[in-house]
C-alpha atoms as a PDB file:
ATOM      1  CA  MET A   1     -86.420 265.114  81.530  1.00  0.00           C
ATOM      2  CA  ALA A   2     -89.387 263.448  83.215  1.00  0.00           C
ATOM      3  CA  LEU A   3     -90.175 259.778  82.704  1.00  0.00           C
ATOM      4  CA  THR A   4     -93.286 260.602  80.692  1.00  0.00           C
ATOM      5  CA  HIS A   5     -91.232 262.721  78.285  1.00  0.00           C
ATOM      6  CA  LEU A   6     -88.733 259.900  77.873  1.00  0.00           C
ATOM      7  CA  GLN A   7     -91.593 257.463  77.237  1.00  0.00           C
ATOM      8  CA  GLN A   8     -93.008 259.797  74.600  1.00  0.00           C
ATOM      9  CA  ALA A   9     -89.601 260.123  72.933  1.00  0.00           C
ATOM     10  CA  LEU A  10     -89.197 256.343  72.871  1.00  0.00           C
ATOM     11  CA  ALA A  11     -92.732 255.841  71.548  1.00  0.00           C
ATOM     12  CA  GLN A  12     -92.061 258.355  68.788  1.00  0.00           C
ATOM     13  CA  PHE A  13     -88.745 256.677  67.976  1.00  0.00           C
ATOM     14  CA  ALA A  14     -90.515 253.304  67.680  1.00  0.00           C
ATOM     15  CA  ALA A  15     -93.426 254.740  65.679  1.00  0.00           C
ATOM     16  CA  GLU A  16     -91.131 256.431  63.167  1.00  0.00           C
ATOM     17  CA  ARG A  17     -89.574 253.046  62.464  1.00  0.00           C
ATOM     18  CA  GLU A  18     -92.866 251.101  62.655  1.00  0.00           C
ATOM     19  CA  TRP A  19     -91.448 249.035  65.491  1.00  0.00           C
ATOM     20  CA  GLU A  20     -94.583 249.010  67.666  1.00  0.00           C
ATOM     21  CA  GLN A  21     -95.456 245.680  66.040  1.00  0.00           C
ATOM     22  CA  PHE A  22     -92.406 244.187  67.762  1.00  0.00           C
ATOM     23  CA  HIS A  23     -93.016 245.812  71.140  1.00  0.00           C
ATOM     24  CA  SER A  24     -95.264 243.242  72.758  1.00  0.00           C
ATOM     25  CA  PRO A  25     -94.845 242.956  76.516  1.00  0.00           C
ATOM     26  CA  LYS A  26     -93.120 239.592  76.060  1.00  0.00           C
ATOM     27  CA  ASN A  27     -90.612 240.961  73.573  1.00  0.00           C
ATOM     28  CA  LEU A  28     -89.902 244.045  75.666  1.00  0.00           C
ATOM     29  CA  VAL A  29     -89.316 241.972  78.809  1.00  0.00           C
ATOM     30  CA  MET A  30     -87.002 239.653  76.893  1.00  0.00           C
ATOM     31  CA  ALA A  31     -85.079 242.594  75.422  1.00  0.00           C
ATOM     32  CA  MET A  32     -84.789 244.180  78.863  1.00  0.00           C
ATOM     33  CA  ALA A  33     -83.476 240.904  80.297  1.00  0.00           C
ATOM     34  CA  GLY A  34     -80.921 240.725  77.498  1.00  0.00           C
ATOM     35  CA  GLU A  35     -79.720 244.245  78.195  1.00  0.00           C
ATOM     36  CA  SER A  36     -79.617 243.500  81.931  1.00  0.00           C
ATOM     37  CA  GLY A  37     -77.412 240.545  81.073  1.00  0.00           C
ATOM     38  CA  GLU A  38     -75.072 242.819  79.136  1.00  0.00           C
ATOM     39  CA  LEU A  39     -74.857 245.104  82.167  1.00  0.00           C
ATOM     40  CA  LEU A  40     -74.250 242.092  84.398  1.00  0.00           C
ATOM     41  CA  GLU A  41     -71.449 240.934  82.124  1.00  0.00           C
ATOM     42  CA  ILE A  42     -69.496 244.143  82.795  1.00  0.00           C
ATOM     43  CA  PHE A  43     -69.517 243.407  86.537  1.00  0.00           C
ATOM     44  CA  GLN A  44     -69.434 239.607  86.417  1.00  0.00           C
ATOM     45  CA  TRP A  45     -65.825 238.924  87.398  1.00  0.00           C
ATOM     46  CA  LEU A  46     -65.045 242.137  89.239  1.00  0.00           C
ATOM     47  CA  THR A  47     -64.313 242.092  92.933  1.00  0.00           C
ATOM     48  CA  PRO A  48     -66.616 244.208  95.089  1.00  0.00           C
ATOM     49  CA  GLU A  49     -63.835 246.792  95.302  1.00  0.00           C
ATOM     50  CA  GLN A  50     -63.381 246.846  91.519  1.00  0.00           C
ATOM     51  CA  SER A  51     -67.133 247.237  91.033  1.00  0.00           C
ATOM     52  CA  ASP A  52     -67.057 250.269  93.340  1.00  0.00           C
ATOM     53  CA  GLN A  53     -64.468 251.851  91.032  1.00  0.00           C
ATOM     54  CA  VAL A  54     -65.987 250.836  87.679  1.00  0.00           C
ATOM     55  CA  MET A  55     -66.862 254.400  86.682  1.00  0.00           C
ATOM     56  CA  GLY A  56     -63.216 255.398  87.081  1.00  0.00           C
ATOM     57  CA  ASP A  57     -62.363 253.484  83.907  1.00  0.00           C
ATOM     58  CA  ALA A  58     -63.515 255.677  81.001  1.00  0.00           C
ATOM     59  CA  GLU A  59     -64.249 252.779  78.631  1.00  0.00           C
ATOM     60  CA  ARG A  60     -66.157 250.769  81.210  1.00  0.00           C
ATOM     61  CA  ALA A  61     -68.020 253.877  82.344  1.00  0.00           C
ATOM     62  CA  VAL A  62     -69.359 254.342  78.805  1.00  0.00           C
ATOM     63  CA  GLN A  63     -70.400 250.680  78.689  1.00  0.00           C
ATOM     64  CA  VAL A  64     -72.179 250.899  82.049  1.00  0.00           C
ATOM     65  CA  ARG A  65     -74.032 254.082  81.075  1.00  0.00           C
ATOM     66  CA  GLU A  66     -75.126 252.652  77.722  1.00  0.00           C
ATOM     67  CA  GLU A  67     -76.320 249.330  79.135  1.00  0.00           C
ATOM     68  CA  MET A  68     -78.185 251.074  81.941  1.00  0.00           C
ATOM     69  CA  ALA A  69     -79.800 253.366  79.371  1.00  0.00           C
ATOM     70  CA  ASP A  70     -80.842 250.315  77.322  1.00  0.00           C
ATOM     71  CA  VAL A  71     -82.424 248.665  80.377  1.00  0.00           C
ATOM     72  CA  LEU A  72     -84.262 251.876  81.223  1.00  0.00           C
ATOM     73  CA  ALA A  73     -85.437 252.327  77.631  1.00  0.00           C
ATOM     74  CA  TYR A  74     -87.010 248.880  77.534  1.00  0.00           C
ATOM     75  CA  LEU A  75     -88.539 249.344  80.994  1.00  0.00           C
ATOM     76  CA  LEU A  76     -90.080 252.650  79.914  1.00  0.00           C
ATOM     77  CA  ARG A  77     -91.424 251.126  76.681  1.00  0.00           C
ATOM     78  CA  LEU A  78     -92.886 248.225  78.650  1.00  0.00           C
ATOM     79  CA  ALA A  79     -94.566 250.596  81.103  1.00  0.00           C
ATOM     80  CA  ASP A  80     -95.951 252.593  78.188  1.00  0.00           C
ATOM     81  CA  VAL A  81     -97.291 249.497  76.413  1.00  0.00           C
ATOM     82  CA  LEU A  82     -98.866 248.199  79.645  1.00  0.00           C
ATOM     83  CA  ASP A  83    -100.101 251.668  80.666  1.00  0.00           C
ATOM     84  CA  ILE A  84     -98.272 251.607  83.994  1.00  0.00           C
ATOM     85  CA  ASP A  85     -97.373 254.860  85.713  1.00  0.00           C
ATOM     86  CA  LEU A  86     -93.887 253.973  86.926  1.00  0.00           C
ATOM     87  CA  GLU A  87     -93.612 256.952  89.270  1.00  0.00           C
ATOM     88  CA  GLU A  88     -96.843 255.939  91.006  1.00  0.00           C
ATOM     89  CA  ALA A  89     -95.874 252.256  91.026  1.00  0.00           C
ATOM     90  CA  LEU A  90     -92.489 253.006  92.573  1.00  0.00           C
ATOM     91  CA  THR A  91     -93.977 255.360  95.161  1.00  0.00           C
ATOM     92  CA  GLN A  92     -96.417 252.629  96.209  1.00  0.00           C
ATOM     93  CA  LYS A  93     -93.642 250.029  96.299  1.00  0.00           C
ATOM     94  CA  ILE A  94     -91.454 252.231  98.500  1.00  0.00           C
ATOM     95  CA  GLU A  95     -94.340 252.596 100.953  1.00  0.00           C
ATOM     96  CA  LYS A  96     -94.948 248.848 100.924  1.00  0.00           C
ATOM     97  CA  ASN A  97     -91.247 248.242 101.598  1.00  0.00           C
ATOM     98  CA  ARG A  98     -91.301 250.782 104.455  1.00  0.00           C
ATOM     99  CA  ARG A  99     -93.889 248.569 106.144  1.00  0.00           C
ATOM    100  CA  LYS A 100     -92.016 245.332 105.363  1.00  0.00           C
ATOM    101  CA  TYR A 101     -88.634 246.705 106.452  1.00  0.00           C
ATOM    102  CA  PRO A 102     -89.147 248.970 109.468  1.00  0.00           C
ATOM    103  CA  VAL A 103     -85.999 250.927 110.290  1.00  0.00           C
ATOM    104  CA  HIS A 104     -85.739 249.581 113.826  1.00  0.00           C
ATOM    105  CA  LEU A 105     -85.606 246.003 112.501  1.00  0.00           C
ATOM    106  CA  ALA A 106     -83.835 246.404 109.159  1.00  0.00           C
ATOM    107  CA  ARG A 107     -81.102 248.977 109.822  1.00  0.00           C
ATOM    108  CA  GLY A 108     -77.747 247.529 108.745  1.00  0.00           C
ATOM    109  CA  ARG A 109     -79.199 244.140 107.828  1.00  0.00           C
ATOM    110  CA  ALA A 110     -79.579 242.510 104.430  1.00  0.00           C
ATOM    111  CA  ASP A 111     -82.062 239.900 105.627  1.00  0.00           C
ATOM    112  CA  LYS A 112     -85.334 239.322 103.840  1.00  0.00           C
ATOM    113  CA  TYR A 113     -88.308 240.854 105.681  1.00  0.00           C
ATOM    114  CA  THR A 114     -89.517 237.395 106.737  1.00  0.00           C
ATOM    115  CA  GLN A 115     -86.250 236.940 108.687  1.00  0.00           C
ATOM    116  CA  LEU A 116     -86.316 240.248 110.580  1.00  0.00           C
ATOM    117  CA  GLY A 117     -88.541 239.135 113.413  1.00  0.00           C
ATOM    118  CA  GLY A 118     -90.543 241.746 115.133  1.00  0.00           C
END
């Protein structure tokens, strides 16, 4: 399902419940941050190796999927409310990052672009 269809489904869900009144950009960002925190909590005390295997635990896998879905839902609602085309925004951001992180300088490095030299 395309992002626009998901946005429409979420908008309809909110409209049916008369929740648009609560979906100000501020509230949506705060809700998204809360859900991101719930996702973070799942990983908080895991070792890097344990985090790599998190989807192997059926109960944790469900938690991860649900929290990621919640984050995405709020992001899509926020984009809808602010009239942002997320596909276009992400495409532009990828291009911007291509320029900031050229392969020949960034390959295998986690440095910020200002530290790459070049």
